[in-house]
Structures are given as C-alpha cells and as structure tokens.
Amino acid sequence: MKGSLVIVAFFMLGCLLGWSDFLPAFLTEQNYTVYVLYLLMFQVGLSIGCDEKLKEILGSIRPHLLLVPLATIVGTLTASALISFAISRWSLADCLAVSSGFAYYSLSSILITELKEASLGTQMAAELGTVALMANIFREIMALLGAPLFAKYFGRLAPICAGGATTMDTTLPVITRYSGKDMVFISIFHGILVDLSVPFFVSFFCLL
C-alpha cells in the first residue's frame, strides 16, 4: 500500500513540475521515456533471472497450474472488453491495452505512451498512458485492501487473480496471510507468467 502511494505521489509531483515550467528545457524537449522503458525491460528480466526460487518453480510446474494465470488474463481482458462498450473516448483496443498492464503500472503506462503516440498523437497517447498508470495502481491497491474479502467470498485463488502481475512481490504477503502459506508457490508462479505477458499483450493491443 505504501509503495503504491509513493508512486502516485511521484506521479503528481511530475505533473506539477511539468505544469509549472520549472524543469530545464533539455528534460522536456528530449524524449527520455524510451530509455526508461529499456531500463524497465532490463529490470524485469534481471529480477526474474535472479530469483533463487525460479529453478524450483520451473521444476515443479504442473499443467493445471497454468489455469490460474490463464483465468487472470482471460477474466481481465473479457471484463475490459465489456466495459469498453460504455466508454466512447477510447477504442476497444485501447481499453484492452490498459487492462493488459495487469497491475504492472510502470511498464504498461510507458509502453502505451510510446506505442500509441504514432496513432493517437502525443497528447492523447500521454492521456491513455496516464489512464493505464492510474487503473493499474488502483488494481494493486484493491488487491491489497480487498484480499480478505476476495478470499472469504470467492475462494483462496481470488486474491491471486486480483493481484495480477504483483503476486510475486508486493501482494504476496497479503495473499500468504489470507489465502494460506500453501498458496505461495502458486502466487509466485502466477506473478512470473503474468508479469512476462504484460509487454506482449500491451504491445499487441497498442498496434491493432
């Protein structure tokens, strides 16, 4: 929860600095977000590759475990597709791109801003990237706060599906607490697969 609030605070600080014209020209005239994107992609690979539990997880994979991340992905995209019909400003593909962040707000927002600039223009692409940032931050916060209710009313796998790509790190403690310690392996495995799917799904829907 604290980490999400810190992210929102930095986002708001960036908005205020941008509006105030306080920043030096070289920071605003050059597009540095693409380099941040490269760094994020490198960090994703590094964090997964350095995970000491990765070999153990890969060696313990059973086909039925794939149903959990599959349920998260299909459920998220289906709900987003249905909601898109009530939104006139953004297309179906735009809504699917936003939801494909699966709570990985930093990577998905930058990817969307970069990839949609050519088709939507700089301002609209930045707006959609902001929507992705906020939507996926809210998803993480809802997973953190709603874990006990999800587990109680929808079963022990519900907090894992709600957490999306965060179940291997930020939401893992609450999942362990309310779903049980025996769900730790499934939660980490789910987080890794959903995490890896983010750049592929976001890129695919952005390019439609």
N, C-alpha and C. Protein backbone atom coordinates (compact mmCIF):
# COMPACT_ATOMS: atom_id res chain seq x y z
N MET A 1 0.84 -1.20 0.00
CA MET A 1 0.00 0.00 0.00
C MET A 1 0.87 1.25 0.00
N LYS A 2 1.89 1.26 0.87
CA LYS A 2 2.77 2.41 0.98
C LYS A 2 3.49 2.67 -0.34
N GLY A 3 3.97 1.57 -0.99
CA GLY A 3 4.68 1.71 -2.25
C GLY A 3 3.81 2.32 -3.33
N SER A 4 2.54 1.91 -3.37
CA SER A 4 1.62 2.46 -4.38
C SER A 4 1.39 3.94 -4.16
N LEU A 5 1.25 4.34 -2.91
CA LEU A 5 1.04 5.75 -2.60
C LEU A 5 2.27 6.58 -2.96
N VAL A 6 3.45 6.01 -2.77
CA VAL A 6 4.69 6.71 -3.14
C VAL A 6 4.72 6.93 -4.65
N ILE A 7 4.31 5.91 -5.42
CA ILE A 7 4.27 6.02 -6.88
C ILE A 7 3.32 7.13 -7.30
N VAL A 8 2.14 7.17 -6.69
CA VAL A 8 1.16 8.21 -7.02
C VAL A 8 1.71 9.59 -6.68
N ALA A 9 2.41 9.68 -5.53
CA ALA A 9 2.98 10.96 -5.11
C ALA A 9 4.01 11.46 -6.12
N PHE A 10 4.87 10.57 -6.60
CA PHE A 10 5.87 10.97 -7.59
C PHE A 10 5.21 11.34 -8.91
N PHE A 11 4.16 10.63 -9.27
CA PHE A 11 3.43 10.97 -10.49
C PHE A 11 2.84 12.37 -10.40
N MET A 12 2.21 12.68 -9.26
CA MET A 12 1.64 14.01 -9.07
C MET A 12 2.72 15.08 -9.05
N LEU A 13 3.87 14.77 -8.46
CA LEU A 13 4.98 15.71 -8.43
C LEU A 13 5.45 16.02 -9.85
N GLY A 14 5.54 14.97 -10.68
CA GLY A 14 5.93 15.17 -12.07
C GLY A 14 4.94 16.04 -12.82
N CYS A 15 3.65 15.82 -12.57
CA CYS A 15 2.63 16.66 -13.21
C CYS A 15 2.77 18.12 -12.80
N LEU A 16 2.98 18.35 -11.53
CA LEU A 16 3.11 19.72 -11.03
C LEU A 16 4.34 20.42 -11.59
N LEU A 17 5.45 19.67 -11.68
CA LEU A 17 6.67 20.26 -12.24
C LEU A 17 6.50 20.57 -13.72
N GLY A 18 5.80 19.65 -14.43
CA GLY A 18 5.56 19.89 -15.85
C GLY A 18 4.68 21.11 -16.10
N TRP A 19 3.65 21.27 -15.28
CA TRP A 19 2.74 22.41 -15.43
C TRP A 19 3.40 23.73 -15.05
N SER A 20 4.35 23.65 -14.14
CA SER A 20 4.97 24.88 -13.64
C SER A 20 6.08 25.43 -14.54
N ASP A 21 6.49 24.64 -15.55
CA ASP A 21 7.61 25.02 -16.44
C ASP A 21 8.89 25.28 -15.64
N PHE A 22 9.03 24.57 -14.54
CA PHE A 22 10.19 24.75 -13.67
C PHE A 22 11.40 23.95 -14.16
N LEU A 23 11.13 22.89 -14.91
CA LEU A 23 12.20 22.00 -15.34
C LEU A 23 13.01 22.63 -16.47
N PRO A 24 14.32 22.32 -16.55
CA PRO A 24 15.15 22.82 -17.65
C PRO A 24 14.68 22.26 -18.99
N ALA A 25 14.93 23.00 -20.04
CA ALA A 25 14.41 22.65 -21.37
C ALA A 25 14.88 21.29 -21.86
N PHE A 26 16.12 20.90 -21.55
CA PHE A 26 16.64 19.64 -22.09
C PHE A 26 15.88 18.43 -21.55
N LEU A 27 15.22 18.56 -20.39
CA LEU A 27 14.44 17.46 -19.83
C LEU A 27 13.08 17.33 -20.50
N THR A 28 12.52 18.41 -20.95
CA THR A 28 11.19 18.39 -21.54
C THR A 28 11.20 18.27 -23.06
N GLU A 29 12.28 18.70 -23.68
CA GLU A 29 12.34 18.67 -25.14
C GLU A 29 12.77 17.31 -25.67
N GLN A 30 13.56 16.59 -24.90
CA GLN A 30 14.02 15.27 -25.31
C GLN A 30 13.09 14.19 -24.76
N ASN A 31 12.91 13.12 -25.53
CA ASN A 31 12.04 12.02 -25.11
C ASN A 31 12.87 10.96 -24.39
N TYR A 32 12.92 11.07 -23.06
CA TYR A 32 13.72 10.13 -22.27
C TYR A 32 12.92 8.90 -21.85
N THR A 33 11.61 8.90 -22.09
CA THR A 33 10.81 7.78 -21.61
C THR A 33 11.19 6.47 -22.27
N VAL A 34 11.65 6.52 -23.52
CA VAL A 34 12.02 5.29 -24.19
C VAL A 34 13.22 4.64 -23.51
N TYR A 35 14.14 5.45 -22.98
CA TYR A 35 15.29 4.90 -22.26
C TYR A 35 14.87 4.32 -20.92
N VAL A 36 13.89 4.97 -20.30
CA VAL A 36 13.33 4.41 -19.06
C VAL A 36 12.66 3.08 -19.35
N LEU A 37 11.99 2.98 -20.51
CA LEU A 37 11.34 1.75 -20.91
C LEU A 37 12.36 0.63 -21.07
N TYR A 38 13.48 0.93 -21.75
CA TYR A 38 14.53 -0.07 -21.91
C TYR A 38 15.04 -0.54 -20.55
N LEU A 39 15.21 0.40 -19.65
CA LEU A 39 15.71 0.08 -18.31
C LEU A 39 14.71 -0.80 -17.56
N LEU A 40 13.43 -0.50 -17.69
CA LEU A 40 12.41 -1.31 -17.03
C LEU A 40 12.39 -2.73 -17.58
N MET A 41 12.49 -2.87 -18.91
CA MET A 41 12.51 -4.19 -19.51
C MET A 41 13.72 -4.99 -19.03
N PHE A 42 14.86 -4.32 -18.92
CA PHE A 42 16.07 -4.97 -18.41
C PHE A 42 15.86 -5.41 -16.96
N GLN A 43 15.22 -4.53 -16.16
CA GLN A 43 14.98 -4.84 -14.76
C GLN A 43 14.03 -6.02 -14.60
N VAL A 44 13.02 -6.12 -15.46
CA VAL A 44 12.09 -7.25 -15.41
C VAL A 44 12.84 -8.56 -15.61
N GLY A 45 13.66 -8.59 -16.67
CA GLY A 45 14.44 -9.80 -16.93
C GLY A 45 15.42 -10.11 -15.82
N LEU A 46 16.04 -9.07 -15.28
CA LEU A 46 17.03 -9.25 -14.21
C LEU A 46 16.38 -9.79 -12.94
N SER A 47 15.23 -9.22 -12.56
CA SER A 47 14.58 -9.65 -11.33
C SER A 47 14.09 -11.09 -11.41
N ILE A 48 13.59 -11.47 -12.59
CA ILE A 48 13.13 -12.85 -12.77
C ILE A 48 14.30 -13.81 -12.84
N GLY A 49 15.35 -13.43 -13.60
CA GLY A 49 16.51 -14.29 -13.75
C GLY A 49 17.28 -14.51 -12.45
N CYS A 50 17.26 -13.51 -11.57
CA CYS A 50 17.99 -13.61 -10.30
C CYS A 50 17.18 -14.25 -9.19
N ASP A 51 15.93 -14.56 -9.46
CA ASP A 51 15.09 -15.16 -8.43
C ASP A 51 15.59 -16.56 -8.12
N GLU A 52 15.99 -16.77 -6.87
CA GLU A 52 16.54 -18.06 -6.47
C GLU A 52 15.51 -19.19 -6.53
N LYS A 53 14.23 -18.80 -6.47
CA LYS A 53 13.18 -19.81 -6.48
C LYS A 53 12.75 -20.19 -7.90
N LEU A 54 13.33 -19.50 -8.91
CA LEU A 54 12.87 -19.71 -10.28
C LEU A 54 13.07 -21.15 -10.73
N LYS A 55 14.26 -21.71 -10.49
CA LYS A 55 14.52 -23.09 -10.91
C LYS A 55 13.58 -24.06 -10.21
N GLU A 56 13.36 -23.81 -8.92
CA GLU A 56 12.45 -24.67 -8.16
C GLU A 56 11.03 -24.59 -8.72
N ILE A 57 10.61 -23.36 -9.07
CA ILE A 57 9.27 -23.17 -9.61
C ILE A 57 9.13 -23.84 -10.97
N LEU A 58 10.13 -23.62 -11.84
CA LEU A 58 10.08 -24.21 -13.18
C LEU A 58 10.09 -25.74 -13.11
N GLY A 59 10.83 -26.28 -12.12
CA GLY A 59 10.90 -27.73 -11.98
C GLY A 59 9.65 -28.35 -11.39
N SER A 60 8.81 -27.51 -10.80
CA SER A 60 7.60 -28.02 -10.14
C SER A 60 6.32 -27.69 -10.90
N ILE A 61 6.48 -27.17 -12.10
CA ILE A 61 5.30 -26.77 -12.88
C ILE A 61 4.47 -27.99 -13.27
N ARG A 62 3.18 -27.87 -13.05
CA ARG A 62 2.22 -28.86 -13.49
C ARG A 62 1.23 -28.16 -14.42
N PRO A 63 0.78 -28.85 -15.46
CA PRO A 63 -0.09 -28.20 -16.45
C PRO A 63 -1.30 -27.48 -15.85
N HIS A 64 -1.90 -28.05 -14.80
CA HIS A 64 -3.12 -27.43 -14.25
C HIS A 64 -2.84 -26.09 -13.60
N LEU A 65 -1.57 -25.83 -13.22
CA LEU A 65 -1.24 -24.54 -12.61
C LEU A 65 -1.36 -23.39 -13.60
N LEU A 66 -1.26 -23.71 -14.89
CA LEU A 66 -1.38 -22.68 -15.92
C LEU A 66 -2.79 -22.10 -15.98
N LEU A 67 -3.75 -22.80 -15.39
CA LEU A 67 -5.13 -22.31 -15.41
C LEU A 67 -5.30 -21.04 -14.58
N VAL A 68 -4.46 -20.88 -13.55
CA VAL A 68 -4.61 -19.69 -12.69
C VAL A 68 -4.22 -18.41 -13.44
N PRO A 69 -3.00 -18.31 -14.01
CA PRO A 69 -2.70 -17.10 -14.79
C PRO A 69 -3.59 -16.95 -16.02
N LEU A 70 -4.00 -18.07 -16.60
CA LEU A 70 -4.90 -18.00 -17.75
C LEU A 70 -6.24 -17.39 -17.35
N ALA A 71 -6.75 -17.78 -16.17
CA ALA A 71 -8.01 -17.20 -15.68
C ALA A 71 -7.87 -15.71 -15.43
N THR A 72 -6.71 -15.29 -14.90
CA THR A 72 -6.48 -13.86 -14.65
C THR A 72 -6.48 -13.08 -15.95
N ILE A 73 -5.76 -13.58 -16.95
CA ILE A 73 -5.64 -12.88 -18.23
C ILE A 73 -6.97 -12.83 -18.96
N VAL A 74 -7.63 -13.98 -19.08
CA VAL A 74 -8.91 -14.04 -19.80
C VAL A 74 -9.97 -13.22 -19.08
N GLY A 75 -10.04 -13.34 -17.76
CA GLY A 75 -11.03 -12.59 -17.00
C GLY A 75 -10.83 -11.09 -17.10
N THR A 76 -9.58 -10.65 -17.01
CA THR A 76 -9.27 -9.22 -17.09
C THR A 76 -9.63 -8.66 -18.46
N LEU A 77 -9.21 -9.34 -19.50
CA LEU A 77 -9.47 -8.85 -20.86
C LEU A 77 -10.95 -8.89 -21.21
N THR A 78 -11.66 -9.92 -20.74
CA THR A 78 -13.10 -10.02 -21.00
C THR A 78 -13.86 -8.88 -20.33
N ALA A 79 -13.55 -8.62 -19.05
CA ALA A 79 -14.20 -7.53 -18.33
C ALA A 79 -13.88 -6.19 -18.97
N SER A 80 -12.64 -6.01 -19.39
CA SER A 80 -12.25 -4.75 -20.02
C SER A 80 -12.97 -4.56 -21.36
N ALA A 81 -13.12 -5.64 -22.11
CA ALA A 81 -13.82 -5.56 -23.40
C ALA A 81 -15.28 -5.16 -23.19
N LEU A 82 -15.91 -5.71 -22.16
CA LEU A 82 -17.30 -5.38 -21.89
C LEU A 82 -17.44 -3.91 -21.45
N ILE A 83 -16.53 -3.46 -20.61
CA ILE A 83 -16.57 -2.08 -20.13
C ILE A 83 -16.32 -1.09 -21.26
N SER A 84 -15.52 -1.50 -22.25
CA SER A 84 -15.16 -0.59 -23.35
C SER A 84 -16.37 -0.11 -24.13
N PHE A 85 -17.46 -0.90 -24.13
CA PHE A 85 -18.66 -0.51 -24.86
C PHE A 85 -19.37 0.67 -24.20
N ALA A 86 -19.04 0.92 -22.94
CA ALA A 86 -19.64 2.06 -22.23
C ALA A 86 -18.75 3.28 -22.26
N ILE A 87 -17.59 3.16 -22.92
CA ILE A 87 -16.62 4.27 -22.99
C ILE A 87 -16.49 4.72 -24.44
N SER A 88 -16.83 5.94 -24.72
CA SER A 88 -16.78 6.43 -26.10
C SER A 88 -15.42 7.03 -26.47
N ARG A 89 -14.67 7.49 -25.48
CA ARG A 89 -13.41 8.19 -25.76
C ARG A 89 -12.32 7.25 -26.27
N TRP A 90 -12.30 6.01 -25.76
CA TRP A 90 -11.25 5.08 -26.11
C TRP A 90 -11.83 3.87 -26.82
N SER A 91 -11.05 3.33 -27.76
CA SER A 91 -11.49 2.17 -28.53
C SER A 91 -11.36 0.89 -27.71
N LEU A 92 -11.89 -0.19 -28.26
CA LEU A 92 -11.77 -1.50 -27.61
C LEU A 92 -10.30 -1.87 -27.42
N ALA A 93 -9.49 -1.66 -28.46
CA ALA A 93 -8.06 -1.99 -28.38
C ALA A 93 -7.36 -1.16 -27.31
N ASP A 94 -7.74 0.12 -27.19
CA ASP A 94 -7.13 0.98 -26.17
C ASP A 94 -7.44 0.46 -24.77
N CYS A 95 -8.69 0.10 -24.54
CA CYS A 95 -9.10 -0.42 -23.23
C CYS A 95 -8.40 -1.73 -22.91
N LEU A 96 -8.26 -2.58 -23.92
CA LEU A 96 -7.57 -3.85 -23.71
C LEU A 96 -6.08 -3.63 -23.42
N ALA A 97 -5.49 -2.63 -24.06
CA ALA A 97 -4.09 -2.30 -23.79
C ALA A 97 -3.90 -1.84 -22.36
N VAL A 98 -4.82 -1.00 -21.87
CA VAL A 98 -4.76 -0.52 -20.49
C VAL A 98 -4.88 -1.68 -19.50
N SER A 99 -5.85 -2.54 -19.73
CA SER A 99 -6.07 -3.66 -18.80
C SER A 99 -4.96 -4.69 -18.87
N SER A 100 -4.23 -4.73 -19.99
CA SER A 100 -3.14 -5.69 -20.14
C SER A 100 -1.94 -5.39 -19.26
N GLY A 101 -2.00 -4.26 -18.55
CA GLY A 101 -0.94 -3.98 -17.59
C GLY A 101 -0.99 -4.92 -16.41
N PHE A 102 -2.17 -5.49 -16.11
CA PHE A 102 -2.33 -6.47 -15.02
C PHE A 102 -1.69 -5.99 -13.72
N ALA A 103 -1.84 -4.70 -13.43
CA ALA A 103 -1.32 -4.05 -12.21
C ALA A 103 0.17 -3.70 -12.31
N TYR A 104 0.80 -3.97 -13.45
CA TYR A 104 2.20 -3.55 -13.65
C TYR A 104 2.15 -2.15 -14.24
N TYR A 105 1.89 -1.16 -13.40
CA TYR A 105 1.59 0.19 -13.86
C TYR A 105 2.76 0.91 -14.50
N SER A 106 3.98 0.72 -13.98
CA SER A 106 5.12 1.47 -14.51
C SER A 106 5.44 1.06 -15.95
N LEU A 107 5.54 -0.22 -16.20
CA LEU A 107 5.88 -0.70 -17.55
C LEU A 107 4.75 -0.44 -18.54
N SER A 108 3.53 -0.76 -18.16
CA SER A 108 2.42 -0.65 -19.10
C SER A 108 2.15 0.81 -19.49
N SER A 109 2.24 1.72 -18.55
CA SER A 109 1.96 3.13 -18.86
C SER A 109 2.98 3.71 -19.83
N ILE A 110 4.25 3.38 -19.64
CA ILE A 110 5.29 3.88 -20.54
C ILE A 110 5.17 3.23 -21.92
N LEU A 111 4.90 1.94 -21.95
CA LEU A 111 4.73 1.24 -23.23
C LEU A 111 3.58 1.85 -24.03
N ILE A 112 2.46 2.07 -23.38
CA ILE A 112 1.29 2.62 -24.06
C ILE A 112 1.57 4.02 -24.58
N THR A 113 2.19 4.85 -23.76
CA THR A 113 2.51 6.22 -24.18
C THR A 113 3.41 6.21 -25.41
N GLU A 114 4.39 5.33 -25.42
CA GLU A 114 5.33 5.26 -26.55
C GLU A 114 4.67 4.69 -27.80
N LEU A 115 3.95 3.58 -27.66
CA LEU A 115 3.43 2.88 -28.82
C LEU A 115 2.20 3.56 -29.45
N LYS A 116 1.44 4.31 -28.65
CA LYS A 116 0.23 4.94 -29.17
C LYS A 116 0.47 6.35 -29.69
N GLU A 117 1.68 6.86 -29.53
CA GLU A 117 1.96 8.23 -29.96
C GLU A 117 1.76 8.40 -31.47
N ALA A 118 2.17 7.39 -32.24
CA ALA A 118 2.07 7.50 -33.69
C ALA A 118 0.62 7.53 -34.17
N SER A 119 -0.26 6.79 -33.51
CA SER A 119 -1.65 6.72 -33.97
C SER A 119 -2.57 7.74 -33.29
N LEU A 120 -2.30 8.08 -32.05
CA LEU A 120 -3.17 8.99 -31.31
C LEU A 120 -2.64 10.40 -31.20
N GLY A 121 -1.33 10.57 -31.40
CA GLY A 121 -0.72 11.87 -31.15
C GLY A 121 -0.16 11.92 -29.74
N THR A 122 0.73 12.86 -29.50
CA THR A 122 1.44 12.93 -28.22
C THR A 122 0.50 13.12 -27.03
N GLN A 123 -0.43 14.04 -27.15
CA GLN A 123 -1.31 14.35 -26.01
C GLN A 123 -2.23 13.19 -25.67
N MET A 124 -2.89 12.62 -26.66
CA MET A 124 -3.81 11.52 -26.42
C MET A 124 -3.07 10.28 -25.91
N ALA A 125 -1.88 10.05 -26.46
CA ALA A 125 -1.08 8.91 -26.00
C ALA A 125 -0.68 9.08 -24.54
N ALA A 126 -0.32 10.31 -24.18
CA ALA A 126 0.04 10.59 -22.78
C ALA A 126 -1.17 10.41 -21.87
N GLU A 127 -2.35 10.80 -22.34
CA GLU A 127 -3.57 10.63 -21.55
C GLU A 127 -3.87 9.16 -21.33
N LEU A 128 -3.74 8.36 -22.40
CA LEU A 128 -4.01 6.94 -22.27
C LEU A 128 -2.98 6.27 -21.36
N GLY A 129 -1.74 6.71 -21.45
CA GLY A 129 -0.70 6.19 -20.56
C GLY A 129 -1.00 6.53 -19.11
N THR A 130 -1.55 7.71 -18.87
CA THR A 130 -1.94 8.12 -17.52
C THR A 130 -3.10 7.27 -17.01
N VAL A 131 -4.06 7.00 -17.90
CA VAL A 131 -5.18 6.13 -17.54
C VAL A 131 -4.66 4.75 -17.13
N ALA A 132 -3.70 4.24 -17.92
CA ALA A 132 -3.11 2.93 -17.61
C ALA A 132 -2.40 2.95 -16.26
N LEU A 133 -1.66 4.01 -16.00
CA LEU A 133 -0.95 4.14 -14.73
C LEU A 133 -1.93 4.10 -13.56
N MET A 134 -2.96 4.93 -13.61
CA MET A 134 -3.91 5.02 -12.50
C MET A 134 -4.74 3.74 -12.36
N ALA A 135 -5.19 3.19 -13.49
CA ALA A 135 -6.02 1.99 -13.44
C ALA A 135 -5.26 0.82 -12.81
N ASN A 136 -4.00 0.67 -13.18
CA ASN A 136 -3.23 -0.46 -12.66
C ASN A 136 -2.74 -0.23 -11.24
N ILE A 137 -2.54 1.03 -10.86
CA ILE A 137 -2.25 1.32 -9.45
C ILE A 137 -3.48 0.99 -8.60
N PHE A 138 -4.65 1.39 -9.07
CA PHE A 138 -5.88 1.09 -8.33
C PHE A 138 -6.10 -0.42 -8.21
N ARG A 139 -5.71 -1.15 -9.25
CA ARG A 139 -5.87 -2.61 -9.18
C ARG A 139 -5.00 -3.19 -8.07
N GLU A 140 -3.77 -2.71 -7.98
CA GLU A 140 -2.89 -3.21 -6.93
C GLU A 140 -3.43 -2.85 -5.54
N ILE A 141 -3.90 -1.60 -5.39
CA ILE A 141 -4.44 -1.17 -4.10
C ILE A 141 -5.67 -1.99 -3.73
N MET A 142 -6.54 -2.25 -4.72
CA MET A 142 -7.73 -3.05 -4.46
C MET A 142 -7.36 -4.47 -4.07
N ALA A 143 -6.32 -5.02 -4.68
CA ALA A 143 -5.88 -6.37 -4.33
C ALA A 143 -5.34 -6.41 -2.90
N LEU A 144 -4.61 -5.36 -2.52
CA LEU A 144 -4.05 -5.30 -1.17
C LEU A 144 -5.15 -5.15 -0.12
N LEU A 145 -6.09 -4.25 -0.37
CA LEU A 145 -7.13 -3.98 0.61
C LEU A 145 -8.26 -5.02 0.58
N GLY A 146 -8.51 -5.58 -0.59
CA GLY A 146 -9.65 -6.48 -0.73
C GLY A 146 -9.33 -7.95 -0.56
N ALA A 147 -8.06 -8.28 -0.33
CA ALA A 147 -7.66 -9.69 -0.23
C ALA A 147 -8.50 -10.51 0.75
N PRO A 148 -8.76 -10.01 1.97
CA PRO A 148 -9.56 -10.82 2.90
C PRO A 148 -10.98 -11.09 2.40
N LEU A 149 -11.59 -10.09 1.76
CA LEU A 149 -12.94 -10.26 1.22
C LEU A 149 -12.95 -11.20 0.02
N PHE A 150 -11.96 -11.04 -0.86
CA PHE A 150 -11.87 -11.91 -2.03
C PHE A 150 -11.73 -13.37 -1.61
N ALA A 151 -10.85 -13.62 -0.63
CA ALA A 151 -10.60 -14.98 -0.17
C ALA A 151 -11.84 -15.57 0.51
N LYS A 152 -12.56 -14.73 1.26
CA LYS A 152 -13.73 -15.20 2.00
C LYS A 152 -14.90 -15.54 1.09
N TYR A 153 -15.16 -14.67 0.10
CA TYR A 153 -16.36 -14.84 -0.71
C TYR A 153 -16.14 -15.51 -2.06
N PHE A 154 -14.91 -15.50 -2.56
CA PHE A 154 -14.67 -16.07 -3.90
C PHE A 154 -13.62 -17.18 -3.92
N GLY A 155 -13.08 -17.53 -2.77
CA GLY A 155 -12.12 -18.62 -2.72
C GLY A 155 -10.68 -18.14 -2.60
N ARG A 156 -9.80 -19.05 -2.26
CA ARG A 156 -8.42 -18.69 -1.95
C ARG A 156 -7.61 -18.26 -3.17
N LEU A 157 -8.06 -18.62 -4.35
CA LEU A 157 -7.35 -18.21 -5.57
C LEU A 157 -7.72 -16.79 -6.00
N ALA A 158 -8.83 -16.28 -5.48
CA ALA A 158 -9.32 -14.96 -5.90
C ALA A 158 -8.32 -13.83 -5.63
N PRO A 159 -7.68 -13.75 -4.46
CA PRO A 159 -6.69 -12.69 -4.25
C PRO A 159 -5.51 -12.78 -5.22
N ILE A 160 -5.18 -13.99 -5.64
CA ILE A 160 -4.07 -14.16 -6.60
C ILE A 160 -4.47 -13.59 -7.96
N CYS A 161 -5.65 -13.94 -8.42
CA CYS A 161 -6.13 -13.41 -9.71
C CYS A 161 -6.29 -11.90 -9.65
N ALA A 162 -6.75 -11.39 -8.52
CA ALA A 162 -6.94 -9.94 -8.38
C ALA A 162 -5.61 -9.21 -8.42
N GLY A 163 -4.56 -9.82 -7.88
CA GLY A 163 -3.25 -9.17 -7.80
C GLY A 163 -2.52 -9.05 -9.12
N GLY A 164 -2.90 -9.83 -10.13
CA GLY A 164 -2.25 -9.74 -11.44
C GLY A 164 -0.76 -10.01 -11.38
N ALA A 165 0.02 -9.10 -11.95
CA ALA A 165 1.47 -9.28 -12.04
C ALA A 165 2.17 -9.04 -10.71
N THR A 166 1.46 -8.55 -9.71
CA THR A 166 2.09 -8.19 -8.43
C THR A 166 2.18 -9.34 -7.44
N THR A 167 1.65 -10.51 -7.80
CA THR A 167 1.56 -11.59 -6.82
C THR A 167 2.89 -12.26 -6.51
N MET A 168 3.92 -11.87 -7.24
CA MET A 168 5.25 -12.41 -6.94
C MET A 168 6.03 -11.47 -6.03
N ASP A 169 5.46 -10.29 -5.73
CA ASP A 169 6.19 -9.34 -4.87
C ASP A 169 5.27 -8.58 -3.93
N THR A 170 4.67 -7.48 -4.37
CA THR A 170 4.00 -6.56 -3.44
C THR A 170 2.76 -7.15 -2.77
N THR A 171 1.98 -7.95 -3.48
CA THR A 171 0.78 -8.50 -2.88
C THR A 171 0.99 -9.89 -2.28
N LEU A 172 2.19 -10.44 -2.41
CA LEU A 172 2.45 -11.78 -1.89
C LEU A 172 2.20 -11.89 -0.38
N PRO A 173 2.61 -10.90 0.45
CA PRO A 173 2.35 -11.02 1.90
C PRO A 173 0.87 -11.14 2.26
N VAL A 174 0.01 -10.34 1.62
CA VAL A 174 -1.41 -10.41 1.97
C VAL A 174 -2.04 -11.69 1.42
N ILE A 175 -1.55 -12.17 0.29
CA ILE A 175 -2.04 -13.44 -0.26
C ILE A 175 -1.66 -14.58 0.68
N THR A 176 -0.43 -14.56 1.17
CA THR A 176 0.02 -15.58 2.11
C THR A 176 -0.83 -15.56 3.38
N ARG A 177 -1.17 -14.37 3.83
CA ARG A 177 -1.93 -14.23 5.07
C ARG A 177 -3.37 -14.72 4.94
N TYR A 178 -4.03 -14.34 3.84
CA TYR A 178 -5.45 -14.63 3.73
C TYR A 178 -5.78 -15.86 2.88
N SER A 179 -4.87 -16.28 2.01
CA SER A 179 -5.11 -17.48 1.21
C SER A 179 -4.39 -18.70 1.77
N GLY A 180 -3.35 -18.46 2.57
CA GLY A 180 -2.63 -19.58 3.16
C GLY A 180 -1.22 -19.72 2.60
N LYS A 181 -0.33 -20.24 3.43
CA LYS A 181 1.06 -20.39 3.02
C LYS A 181 1.23 -21.39 1.88
N ASP A 182 0.29 -22.32 1.76
CA ASP A 182 0.38 -23.30 0.68
C ASP A 182 0.11 -22.68 -0.69
N MET A 183 -0.33 -21.41 -0.70
CA MET A 183 -0.59 -20.72 -1.97
C MET A 183 0.60 -19.89 -2.44
N VAL A 184 1.67 -19.88 -1.67
CA VAL A 184 2.82 -19.05 -2.02
C VAL A 184 3.41 -19.46 -3.37
N PHE A 185 3.59 -20.75 -3.57
CA PHE A 185 4.17 -21.23 -4.83
C PHE A 185 3.31 -20.83 -6.02
N ILE A 186 2.00 -21.06 -5.90
CA ILE A 186 1.08 -20.71 -6.99
C ILE A 186 1.11 -19.21 -7.24
N SER A 187 1.17 -18.43 -6.17
CA SER A 187 1.17 -16.97 -6.29
C SER A 187 2.41 -16.47 -7.04
N ILE A 188 3.58 -17.03 -6.69
CA ILE A 188 4.83 -16.62 -7.35
C ILE A 188 4.82 -17.05 -8.82
N PHE A 189 4.41 -18.29 -9.07
CA PHE A 189 4.35 -18.80 -10.44
C PHE A 189 3.39 -17.96 -11.28
N HIS A 190 2.24 -17.64 -10.71
CA HIS A 190 1.25 -16.80 -11.38
C HIS A 190 1.83 -15.42 -11.69
N GLY A 191 2.51 -14.82 -10.72
CA GLY A 191 3.08 -13.49 -10.91
C GLY A 191 4.12 -13.45 -12.01
N ILE A 192 4.97 -14.48 -12.07
CA ILE A 192 6.01 -14.53 -13.09
C ILE A 192 5.40 -14.60 -14.49
N LEU A 193 4.43 -15.49 -14.68
CA LEU A 193 3.83 -15.64 -16.01
C LEU A 193 3.06 -14.40 -16.44
N VAL A 194 2.27 -13.84 -15.53
CA VAL A 194 1.50 -12.65 -15.88
C VAL A 194 2.44 -11.47 -16.12
N ASP A 195 3.48 -11.37 -15.31
CA ASP A 195 4.49 -10.33 -15.48
C ASP A 195 5.11 -10.39 -16.88
N LEU A 196 5.48 -11.59 -17.30
CA LEU A 196 6.09 -11.77 -18.62
C LEU A 196 5.12 -11.46 -19.75
N SER A 197 3.83 -11.64 -19.50
CA SER A 197 2.84 -11.43 -20.57
C SER A 197 2.55 -9.95 -20.84
N VAL A 198 2.85 -9.09 -19.87
CA VAL A 198 2.49 -7.67 -19.98
C VAL A 198 3.03 -7.01 -21.24
N PRO A 199 4.36 -7.04 -21.51
CA PRO A 199 4.84 -6.35 -22.71
C PRO A 199 4.27 -6.90 -24.00
N PHE A 200 3.98 -8.20 -24.05
CA PHE A 200 3.45 -8.80 -25.26
C PHE A 200 1.99 -8.38 -25.51
N PHE A 201 1.15 -8.46 -24.47
CA PHE A 201 -0.25 -8.08 -24.63
C PHE A 201 -0.41 -6.58 -24.87
N VAL A 202 0.31 -5.77 -24.11
CA VAL A 202 0.21 -4.32 -24.28
C VAL A 202 0.66 -3.91 -25.68
N SER A 203 1.77 -4.46 -26.14
CA SER A 203 2.27 -4.13 -27.48
C SER A 203 1.29 -4.58 -28.55
N PHE A 204 0.74 -5.77 -28.37
CA PHE A 204 -0.20 -6.30 -29.37
C PHE A 204 -1.44 -5.41 -29.52
N PHE A 205 -2.05 -5.05 -28.40
CA PHE A 205 -3.27 -4.23 -28.46
C PHE A 205 -2.98 -2.79 -28.88
N CYS A 206 -1.80 -2.29 -28.55
CA CYS A 206 -1.44 -0.93 -28.97
C CYS A 206 -1.24 -0.84 -30.47
N LEU A 207 -0.84 -1.92 -31.09
CA LEU A 207 -0.55 -1.92 -32.51
C LEU A 207 -1.73 -2.33 -33.38
N LEU A 208 -2.85 -2.65 -32.75
CA LEU A 208 -4.05 -3.01 -33.54
C LEU A 208 -4.64 -1.78 -34.22
